[in-house]
Protein backbone atom coordinates (compact mmCIF):
# COMPACT_ATOMS: atom_id res chain seq x y z
CA MET A 1 -134.73 -9.08 42.44
CA LYS A 2 -132.27 -11.31 40.37
CA SER A 3 -133.57 -9.86 37.19
CA LYS A 4 -132.18 -6.42 38.44
CA ILE A 5 -128.86 -7.71 39.48
CA TYR A 6 -128.22 -9.72 35.86
CA THR A 7 -129.37 -6.47 34.36
CA ILE A 8 -126.67 -4.18 36.47
CA ALA A 9 -124.25 -7.24 35.58
CA ALA A 10 -125.09 -7.10 31.87
CA VAL A 11 -124.23 -3.31 31.91
CA CYS A 12 -121.60 -3.53 34.14
CA LEU A 13 -120.08 -6.08 31.13
CA LEU A 14 -120.96 -3.48 28.52
CA PHE A 15 -119.14 -0.63 29.85
CA ILE A 16 -115.87 -3.13 30.37
CA SER A 17 -116.13 -4.48 26.69
CA CYS A 18 -116.77 -0.83 24.83
CA GLY A 19 -113.69 0.25 27.42
CA LYS A 20 -111.06 -2.51 25.75
CA GLN A 21 -109.48 -1.43 22.98
CA GLU A 22 -108.44 -4.08 20.06
CA ARG A 23 -105.05 -5.09 18.84
CA ILE A 24 -103.90 -2.44 16.36
CA VAL A 25 -103.63 -3.75 12.86
CA VAL A 26 -100.61 -3.34 10.87
CA SER A 27 -99.99 -5.15 7.24
CA ALA A 28 -97.50 -4.72 4.87
CA SER A 29 -98.61 -2.32 3.04
CA ASP A 30 -98.64 -0.12 6.05
CA PHE A 31 -94.58 -0.75 5.64
CA ARG A 32 -94.43 -0.34 1.98
CA ALA A 33 -96.10 3.53 2.47
CA ALA A 34 -93.85 3.98 4.87
CA VAL A 35 -90.62 3.21 2.54
CA ASP A 36 -92.89 4.76 -0.09
CA THR A 37 -92.61 7.60 1.85
CA VAL A 38 -88.84 8.31 2.35
CA SER A 39 -88.42 7.72 -1.52
CA GLU A 40 -90.50 10.31 -2.77
CA ILE A 41 -88.90 12.65 -0.03
CA MET A 42 -85.23 11.21 -1.25
CA ILE A 43 -86.54 12.13 -4.63
CA HIS A 44 -87.26 15.28 -3.45
CA ASP A 45 -84.04 16.14 -1.67
CA ILE A 46 -81.73 15.17 -4.85
CA PHE A 47 -80.25 12.35 -3.12
CA SER A 48 -76.76 10.93 -4.78
CA PRO A 49 -77.42 7.52 -5.93
CA PRO A 50 -74.85 6.18 -2.79
CA VAL A 51 -75.86 8.09 -0.30
CA ALA A 52 -79.77 7.31 -1.69
CA SER A 53 -78.27 3.38 -0.72
CA ARG A 54 -77.68 4.57 3.05
CA ILE A 55 -81.25 6.21 3.16
CA TYR A 56 -82.86 2.49 2.38
CA ALA A 57 -80.20 0.42 4.11
CA TYR A 58 -80.06 1.93 7.82
CA PRO A 59 -83.94 2.47 8.35
CA ASN A 60 -84.97 -1.05 7.12
CA ILE A 61 -82.82 -2.81 8.89
CA ALA A 62 -83.89 -1.04 12.02
CA ALA A 63 -87.37 -2.27 11.19
CA TYR A 64 -85.76 -5.98 10.36
CA GLU A 65 -84.06 -6.11 13.94
CA VAL A 66 -87.84 -5.48 15.59
CA ILE A 67 -89.40 -8.25 13.55
CA ALA A 68 -86.43 -10.46 14.15
CA GLN A 69 -86.35 -10.34 18.02
CA ASN A 70 -87.97 -13.96 19.16
CA SER A 71 -88.94 -15.18 15.25
CA LYS A 72 -89.05 -18.71 14.82
CA THR A 73 -88.36 -17.05 10.84
CA TYR A 74 -85.81 -14.83 10.83
CA SER A 75 -82.77 -14.11 12.82
CA THR A 76 -80.80 -10.89 13.73
CA LEU A 77 -78.13 -9.17 12.07
CA GLN A 78 -76.45 -8.79 15.22
CA GLY A 79 -72.83 -9.86 15.17
CA GLN A 80 -73.49 -10.69 11.30
CA LEU A 81 -73.02 -6.42 10.09
CA ASN A 82 -69.87 -4.95 10.64
CA GLY A 83 -70.23 -3.18 13.84
CA LEU A 84 -73.45 -4.37 15.20
CA ASP A 85 -72.88 -5.88 17.98
CA SER A 86 -76.07 -5.87 20.08
CA ILE A 87 -79.84 -4.48 19.95
CA PRO A 88 -82.07 -3.98 22.77
CA ALA A 89 -83.91 -7.06 23.79
CA LEU A 90 -87.61 -7.50 23.60
CA ASP A 91 -89.59 -8.83 26.38
CA SER A 92 -92.24 -10.57 25.19
CA LYS A 93 -94.73 -9.84 28.16
CA ALA A 94 -94.56 -6.25 27.85
CA GLY A 95 -97.06 -6.19 24.41
CA VAL A 96 -95.28 -4.67 22.10
CA ASN A 97 -96.71 -4.55 18.42
CA GLN A 98 -93.49 -5.77 16.92
CA LYS A 99 -94.87 -4.92 13.62
CA LEU A 100 -95.85 -1.48 14.97
CA ALA A 101 -92.43 -0.84 16.38
CA ALA A 102 -90.84 -1.71 13.07
CA ILE A 103 -92.30 1.39 11.53
CA ILE A 104 -91.86 3.30 13.91
CA ALA A 105 -87.99 2.59 14.04
CA HIS A 106 -88.06 2.58 10.21
CA MET A 107 -89.11 6.52 10.65
CA GLU A 108 -87.09 7.49 13.32
CA VAL A 109 -84.13 6.33 11.55
CA SER A 110 -85.39 7.65 7.91
CA LYS A 111 -85.71 10.95 9.83
CA GLN A 112 -82.26 11.26 10.45
CA LEU A 113 -81.10 10.46 7.19
CA ILE A 114 -83.09 13.21 4.86
CA PHE A 115 -83.40 17.18 4.31
CA SER A 116 -87.08 17.29 4.45
CA GLU A 117 -87.88 16.31 8.29
CA GLU A 118 -91.22 18.34 8.20
CA ALA A 119 -92.79 16.49 5.47
CA LEU A 120 -92.13 13.30 7.40
CA GLU A 121 -92.91 14.47 10.70
CA LYS A 122 -96.12 15.03 9.17
CA TYR A 123 -96.12 11.54 8.01
CA ARG A 124 -95.55 9.97 11.23
CA ASP A 125 -97.77 12.28 13.08
CA SER A 126 -100.62 11.22 11.53
CA LEU A 127 -99.91 7.60 12.30
CA TYR A 128 -99.18 8.19 15.77
CA LYS A 129 -102.38 10.10 16.24
CA LYS A 130 -104.13 6.87 14.23
CA TRP A 131 -102.66 4.73 16.10
CA GLU A 132 -102.70 6.16 19.88
CA GLY A 133 -106.97 6.35 18.84
CA GLU A 134 -107.10 2.89 18.64
CA ASN A 135 -104.89 1.30 21.20
CA SER A 136 -102.96 3.86 23.41
CA LYS A 137 -101.66 1.86 25.81
CA GLU A 138 -99.99 -1.03 22.76
CA PHE A 139 -98.98 2.05 20.71
CA GLU A 140 -97.05 3.56 23.96
CA VAL A 141 -95.29 0.66 24.39
CA SER A 142 -94.79 -0.59 20.99
CA LYS A 143 -93.60 3.43 20.36
CA GLU A 144 -91.01 2.82 22.82
CA TYR A 145 -89.55 0.00 22.12
CA GLY A 146 -89.13 1.14 18.14
CA LEU A 147 -87.43 4.49 19.55
CA LYS A 148 -85.32 2.26 21.43
CA VAL A 149 -83.86 0.31 18.65
CA ALA A 150 -84.26 2.89 16.46
CA GLU A 151 -81.34 5.10 18.95
CA ARG A 152 -79.45 2.04 18.62
CA ILE A 153 -79.31 1.55 14.85
CA LYS A 154 -78.13 5.50 14.87
CA LYS A 155 -75.63 5.09 16.95
CA TRP A 156 -74.09 2.19 14.88
CA MET A 157 -74.81 4.41 11.42
CA GLY A 158 -72.80 7.31 13.19
CA LYS A 159 -69.70 5.24 13.21
CA ASP A 160 -69.82 4.12 9.47
CA ASN A 161 -67.06 7.09 8.39
CA TYR A 162 -70.04 9.15 6.75
CA LYS A 163 -69.49 12.22 8.51
CA GLN A 164 -65.74 12.20 8.24
CA THR A 165 -66.36 11.95 4.48
CA ARG A 166 -68.39 15.40 4.41
CA THR A 167 -65.26 17.28 5.15
CA LEU A 168 -62.84 15.71 2.53
CA PRO A 169 -61.42 17.68 -0.13
CA LYS A 170 -63.07 17.67 -3.49
CA PHE A 171 -62.10 15.27 -6.15
CA SER A 172 -58.83 16.53 -7.93
CA VAL A 173 -59.52 16.57 -11.95
CA PHE A 174 -56.15 16.30 -14.06
CA ALA A 175 -57.40 18.16 -17.03
CA ASN A 176 -54.21 17.80 -18.83
CA GLN A 177 -53.77 14.11 -18.26
CA PRO A 178 -55.99 12.12 -21.39
CA GLY A 179 -57.92 9.20 -20.12
CA ARG A 180 -58.73 10.43 -16.83
CA TRP A 181 -61.92 11.67 -15.91
CA GLN A 182 -63.30 15.52 -16.62
CA PRO A 183 -66.64 17.16 -15.77
CA THR A 184 -69.18 16.71 -18.60
CA PRO A 185 -72.08 19.07 -19.71
CA PRO A 186 -73.93 20.24 -19.37
CA ALA A 187 -73.55 21.60 -15.63
CA TYR A 188 -69.84 20.36 -15.15
CA MET A 189 -70.70 18.84 -11.72
CA ASP A 190 -67.44 17.90 -9.63
CA GLY A 191 -67.15 14.17 -8.78
CA VAL A 192 -69.89 12.78 -6.30
CA GLU A 193 -69.28 11.71 -3.92
CA PRO A 194 -65.09 11.00 -4.41
CA HIS A 195 -64.64 9.32 -1.01
CA TRP A 196 -67.30 6.76 -1.09
CA GLY A 197 -65.24 4.00 -0.78
CA GLU A 198 -64.00 4.58 2.74
CA ILE A 199 -67.66 4.23 3.89
CA ARG A 200 -67.63 1.15 6.28
CA THR A 201 -69.11 -1.58 4.51
CA MET A 202 -71.62 -3.47 6.36
CA VAL A 203 -70.94 -7.72 5.18
CA LEU A 204 -67.75 -7.18 2.68
CA ASP A 205 -64.97 -7.08 4.56
CA SER A 206 -63.35 -3.82 2.41
CA ALA A 207 -64.63 -2.09 -0.78
CA SER A 208 -61.78 -3.68 -2.55
CA GLN A 209 -62.77 -7.26 -1.40
CA PHE A 210 -64.41 -7.61 -5.14
CA LYS A 211 -61.74 -5.22 -7.05
CA PRO A 212 -63.07 -6.25 -11.17
CA THR A 213 -60.75 -6.57 -13.77
CA PRO A 214 -58.31 -3.26 -14.33
CA ALA A 215 -60.07 -0.73 -16.71
CA ILE A 216 -58.76 -1.50 -20.22
CA PRO A 217 -55.66 1.53 -21.07
CA PHE A 218 -56.60 4.49 -22.69
CA SER A 219 -55.22 5.15 -26.08
CA LEU A 220 -56.23 6.87 -29.13
CA ASP A 221 -54.71 4.43 -31.30
CA LYS A 222 -57.42 3.27 -33.57
CA ASN A 223 -56.10 -0.33 -33.35
CA SER A 224 -56.31 -0.66 -29.53
CA ALA A 225 -58.88 -2.17 -27.52
CA TYR A 226 -59.49 0.93 -26.05
CA PHE A 227 -60.45 3.24 -29.33
CA LYS A 228 -62.91 0.56 -30.73
CA GLU A 229 -65.24 0.10 -27.24
CA VAL A 230 -65.16 3.85 -27.94
CA MET A 231 -66.25 3.53 -31.73
CA GLU A 232 -68.76 0.90 -29.85
CA ILE A 233 -70.57 3.62 -28.32
CA TYR A 234 -70.33 5.84 -30.97
CA ASN A 235 -71.97 3.45 -33.73
CA ILE A 236 -74.36 2.66 -31.43
CA SER A 237 -75.59 5.90 -30.74
CA LEU A 238 -75.44 6.82 -34.60
CA LYS A 239 -77.91 4.29 -35.59
CA ILE A 240 -80.53 5.31 -32.24
CA SER A 241 -80.28 8.41 -33.50
CA GLU A 242 -81.22 7.43 -37.16
CA GLY A 243 -83.63 5.57 -35.45
CA LEU A 244 -85.14 8.14 -33.53
CA LYS A 245 -85.25 10.81 -36.42
CA LYS A 246 -87.06 8.29 -38.93
CA SER A 247 -89.53 7.69 -36.27
CA GLU A 248 -89.86 11.53 -35.84
CA GLU A 249 -90.31 12.09 -39.42
CA SER A 250 -92.72 9.44 -39.78
CA LYS A 251 -94.86 10.37 -37.06
CA SER A 252 -95.17 6.88 -36.26
CA ASN A 253 -94.54 5.44 -32.56
CA SER A 254 -91.53 3.11 -34.35
CA VAL A 255 -89.37 4.52 -31.14
CA PRO A 256 -86.06 2.07 -31.47
CA GLU A 257 -86.30 -0.54 -28.49
CA GLU A 258 -82.43 0.22 -27.52
CA SER A 259 -83.68 4.25 -26.68
CA LYS A 260 -87.08 3.05 -24.37
CA ILE A 261 -84.01 0.67 -22.76
CA ALA A 262 -81.69 3.64 -22.56
CA THR A 263 -84.52 6.02 -21.12
CA PHE A 264 -86.38 3.26 -18.73
CA TRP A 265 -83.23 2.75 -17.07
CA ASP A 266 -81.42 5.92 -16.67
CA CYS A 267 -82.14 6.75 -12.93
CA ASN A 268 -79.73 9.68 -12.76
CA PRO A 269 -80.90 12.66 -10.45
CA TYR A 270 -78.33 14.47 -11.70
CA VAL A 271 -79.92 15.58 -15.10
CA THR A 272 -80.21 19.21 -15.67
CA VAL A 273 -82.53 21.04 -18.13
CA SER A 274 -81.39 24.83 -19.75
CA GLN A 275 -83.71 27.44 -20.49
CA GLY A 276 -82.22 30.66 -21.44
CA HIS A 277 -80.10 31.48 -18.39
CA MET A 278 -81.56 29.48 -15.93
CA MET A 279 -80.48 25.77 -15.00
CA PHE A 280 -82.36 23.58 -13.04
CA ALA A 281 -82.48 19.97 -11.63
CA LYS A 282 -84.92 17.60 -12.93
CA LYS A 283 -85.81 15.07 -10.30
CA LYS A 284 -85.64 11.30 -11.37
CA ASN A 285 -85.09 8.22 -9.78
CA THR A 286 -81.65 6.84 -8.22
CA PRO A 287 -81.01 3.05 -9.08
CA ASP A 288 -81.67 2.12 -5.64
CA ALA A 289 -85.13 3.75 -5.63
CA HIS A 290 -85.57 1.68 -9.24
CA TRP A 291 -84.39 -1.24 -7.32
CA ILE A 292 -86.28 -0.78 -4.40
CA GLY A 293 -89.40 -0.59 -6.48
CA ILE A 294 -88.94 -3.85 -8.19
CA THR A 295 -89.07 -5.44 -4.43
CA LYS A 296 -92.33 -3.71 -3.73
CA ILE A 297 -93.76 -5.18 -6.67
CA ALA A 298 -92.43 -8.60 -5.61
CA CYS A 299 -93.88 -8.11 -2.86
CA VAL A 300 -96.88 -7.24 -3.48
CA LYS A 301 -97.26 -10.19 -6.56
CA SER A 302 -96.42 -12.93 -3.78
CA ASN A 303 -98.64 -11.49 -1.55
CA ALA A 304 -95.81 -11.40 1.15
CA ASP A 305 -96.93 -11.09 4.56
CA PHE A 306 -95.56 -8.29 6.89
CA GLU A 307 -92.09 -9.87 8.50
CA LYS A 308 -91.38 -11.57 4.71
CA THR A 309 -91.93 -7.49 3.23
CA VAL A 310 -89.10 -6.33 5.67
CA TYR A 311 -87.09 -9.08 4.91
CA ALA A 312 -87.20 -8.57 1.23
CA TYR A 313 -86.72 -4.96 1.25
CA THR A 314 -83.43 -5.32 4.57
CA LYS A 315 -82.00 -8.10 2.80
CA THR A 316 -82.08 -6.27 -1.05
CA SER A 317 -81.17 -2.33 0.86
CA ILE A 318 -78.20 -4.44 2.48
CA GLY A 319 -76.92 -5.41 -0.92
CA ILE A 320 -77.24 -2.01 -2.76
CA PHE A 321 -75.37 -0.66 -0.12
CA GLU A 322 -72.25 -2.41 -0.58
CA SER A 323 -72.31 -2.62 -4.00
CA PHE A 324 -72.28 1.19 -4.16
CA ILE A 325 -68.96 1.16 -1.86
CA SER A 326 -67.46 -1.28 -3.99
CA CYS A 327 -68.43 0.82 -6.85
CA TRP A 328 -67.11 4.07 -6.10
CA ASP A 329 -64.02 2.15 -4.72
CA GLU A 330 -63.29 1.50 -8.41
CA LYS A 331 -64.67 4.52 -10.03
CA PHE A 332 -62.74 7.01 -8.20
CA LYS A 333 -59.11 4.82 -8.28
CA SER A 334 -59.42 4.03 -12.25
CA ASN A 335 -60.83 7.30 -12.44
CA MET A 336 -61.49 6.75 -16.38
CA VAL A 337 -62.59 9.28 -18.39
CA ARG A 338 -66.21 9.31 -20.05
CA PRO A 339 -67.49 8.29 -23.43
CA GLU A 340 -68.69 12.03 -24.21
CA THR A 341 -65.21 13.43 -23.40
CA VAL A 342 -62.94 11.18 -25.81
CA ILE A 343 -65.91 11.36 -28.64
CA ASN A 344 -66.04 15.30 -28.10
CA GLN A 345 -62.18 15.97 -28.30
CA ASN A 346 -61.23 13.73 -30.84
CA ILE A 347 -63.99 12.23 -32.71
CA ASP A 348 -67.05 14.51 -33.22
CA GLU A 349 -66.83 17.97 -31.39
CA ASN A 350 -71.13 17.88 -31.73
CA TRP A 351 -72.13 14.25 -30.47
CA LYS A 352 -74.37 14.29 -27.39
CA PRO A 353 -75.07 10.63 -25.48
CA LEU A 354 -78.86 10.04 -25.76
CA LEU A 355 -78.71 10.34 -22.18
CA GLN A 356 -77.07 12.54 -19.78
CA THR A 357 -73.55 11.85 -18.34
CA PRO A 358 -73.54 10.80 -14.66
CA PRO A 359 -70.86 13.01 -12.80
CA PHE A 360 -68.68 10.94 -11.72
CA PRO A 361 -65.91 7.99 -13.58
CA GLU A 362 -66.80 5.71 -16.04
CA TYR A 363 -65.58 2.40 -14.81
CA THR A 364 -67.07 0.41 -13.65
CA SER A 365 -71.22 0.79 -14.31
CA GLY A 366 -73.05 1.61 -11.22
CA HIS A 367 -75.94 0.20 -12.84
CA SER A 368 -74.39 -3.10 -13.78
CA VAL A 369 -73.44 -3.20 -10.38
CA VAL A 370 -76.21 -2.57 -8.29
CA SER A 371 -78.88 -4.10 -10.62
CA THR A 372 -76.52 -7.36 -10.81
CA CYS A 373 -76.35 -7.56 -7.14
CA SER A 374 -80.03 -6.57 -6.47
CA ALA A 375 -81.53 -8.98 -8.91
CA ALA A 376 -79.14 -12.13 -7.24
CA LEU A 377 -80.46 -11.19 -3.77
CA LEU A 378 -84.34 -11.04 -4.31
CA THR A 379 -84.08 -14.61 -6.76
CA THR A 380 -83.12 -16.54 -2.99
CA ILE A 381 -85.99 -14.74 -1.84
CA PHE A 382 -88.86 -14.58 -5.09
CA GLY A 383 -87.18 -17.18 -7.06
CA ASP A 384 -85.31 -17.69 -10.76
CA ASN A 385 -88.12 -17.14 -13.01
CA PHE A 386 -90.50 -14.56 -11.15
CA ALA A 387 -91.82 -12.66 -13.95
CA PHE A 388 -93.16 -8.99 -13.38
CA ALA A 389 -94.69 -5.74 -14.64
CA ASP A 390 -91.66 -3.37 -13.61
CA ASP A 391 -93.89 0.36 -12.99
CA SER A 392 -91.08 1.69 -11.11
CA GLU A 393 -90.76 4.66 -13.53
CA ILE A 394 -94.11 5.52 -14.05
CA PRO A 395 -94.39 8.37 -12.02
CA PHE A 396 -91.56 9.89 -14.14
CA GLY A 397 -93.69 9.83 -17.63
CA LEU A 398 -92.14 6.22 -18.55
CA PRO A 399 -93.87 3.23 -19.50
CA ILE A 400 -94.34 -0.63 -17.61
CA ARG A 401 -91.57 -2.92 -19.00
CA ASN A 402 -92.24 -6.78 -18.63
CA PHE A 403 -89.61 -9.40 -17.54
CA THR A 404 -89.56 -12.60 -17.28
CA SER A 405 -86.84 -12.35 -13.92
CA PHE A 406 -85.19 -10.03 -11.75
CA LYS A 407 -81.90 -11.01 -13.74
CA ALA A 408 -83.17 -10.68 -17.42
CA ALA A 409 -84.14 -6.89 -15.75
CA ALA A 410 -80.66 -6.25 -14.46
CA LYS A 411 -79.16 -7.25 -17.60
CA GLU A 412 -81.20 -5.09 -19.31
CA ALA A 413 -80.24 -2.20 -16.84
CA ALA A 414 -76.76 -3.32 -17.78
CA THR A 415 -76.71 -3.08 -21.07
CA SER A 416 -78.82 0.41 -21.35
CA ARG A 417 -75.60 2.11 -20.27
CA MET A 418 -74.29 1.52 -23.54
CA TYR A 419 -77.58 2.21 -25.74
CA GLY A 420 -77.33 5.64 -23.83
CA GLY A 421 -73.59 6.28 -24.39
CA ILE A 422 -72.57 6.81 -21.26
CA HIS A 423 -70.47 3.35 -20.04
CA TYR A 424 -68.04 1.17 -22.49
CA ARG A 425 -68.48 -2.22 -22.69
CA ALA A 426 -65.77 -3.35 -20.53
CA ALA A 427 -67.51 -1.01 -17.41
CA VAL A 428 -70.91 -3.36 -18.13
CA GLU A 429 -69.70 -6.52 -18.43
CA ASN A 430 -66.99 -6.35 -15.26
CA GLY A 431 -69.69 -4.52 -14.01
CA VAL A 432 -72.01 -7.15 -13.66
CA VAL A 433 -69.36 -9.43 -12.61
CA GLN A 434 -68.60 -7.19 -9.87
CA GLY A 435 -72.31 -7.38 -8.76
CA GLN A 436 -72.65 -11.10 -9.12
CA ASN A 437 -69.60 -11.57 -6.65
CA ILE A 438 -71.50 -9.42 -3.95
CA GLY A 439 -74.05 -11.04 -4.42
CA ASP A 440 -73.09 -14.18 -3.84
CA PHE A 441 -71.08 -13.00 -1.11
CA ILE A 442 -73.91 -11.52 1.03
CA ILE A 443 -76.19 -14.62 0.11
CA ALA A 444 -73.26 -17.30 1.64
CA LYS A 445 -72.26 -15.19 4.70
CA LEU A 446 -76.06 -13.46 5.95
CA LYS A 447 -77.83 -15.94 7.46
CA MET A 448 -81.37 -13.77 7.79
CA VAL A 449 -83.75 -16.81 7.91
CA LYS A 450 -83.59 -19.85 10.26
């Protein structure tokens, strides 16, 4: 009789154990995959660099706020970011899987910021199906909390003045005023995001808080500081062109290093290609996507856990977001003409820069500002001498470049704009200072680690 009772008890325990679902396991690689998915969609949709910075920042902040709740390591950004004053509280007894909720919040906010929603929904739904099958109860409570946080971030995001800037007039071009920006070939596009300086900042007091040294006054006097900078860009390009010509004639791989650097850091989503009567866009990385890619490389190399990975992405994307607001505020105020326009009109009508000129004013260099700020922030997370192999551009047919530190990469990114023939030295050097000032301010003001 006892043996029969024991047998029945054992069978009951077996059924109970089989019915009990294990906790859903979510890793850092899952979060990186979610960010990668957004990057791929963003590049496909061809967003401008400033708008891309917004697409990265808000979803990362949503994920970060989830993992910061009740954390012993990370502090909430409530009260630290302009206008972000509350986040739904996490009930520690509710059984929420914070990692799971963080990814859900990230995807939900991302979905509102892109055009190709169906692509993201397809990715999201495949994850939802997987997680629900692993533990339906845990998935539901985690999803509920993740969506609550996402709704709060979307409400905050909706007040950043982005919608208002969509209705403002295009940038006025003053074709008859020398020194002022004009659209450049081959597409002669209007100035991109002329009102981006009106977007609400997150950490900075205002868009003009770190206004750079004024641009060098335009002058065609051959002895002027401005004209000397124009000639410097022209002569650099001639030297690179000569090197490329020799490489092609000798059929060797001795491509000038300056050409390799310029091409690697091009990151221009507006490159247009003409074939007969057709003109189409060539999809490329943005500067934002490149530095988010470097963030991923650092996270993987350092074996960062889930929470640190979210922290790294969030801190870097906030810096990128602030950098574009500051830089674009200056661009459309100084309204500096590009080298291509000046050289074609006054020196060599057949000259073309190595890189296609982006469709917005010259001063300051966006790459210089964004790269320097990103490097400063990443250095606080991973260290000063963090060597890495940058494979961010492999999907676009470019080889890996190796760097001894984030700052070394940022320095090369800034200089690349002169090699590419699209920025003067002053825009590069003063852009570096501008980016460093923004980075230093964010480092001093944001308290993300307890």
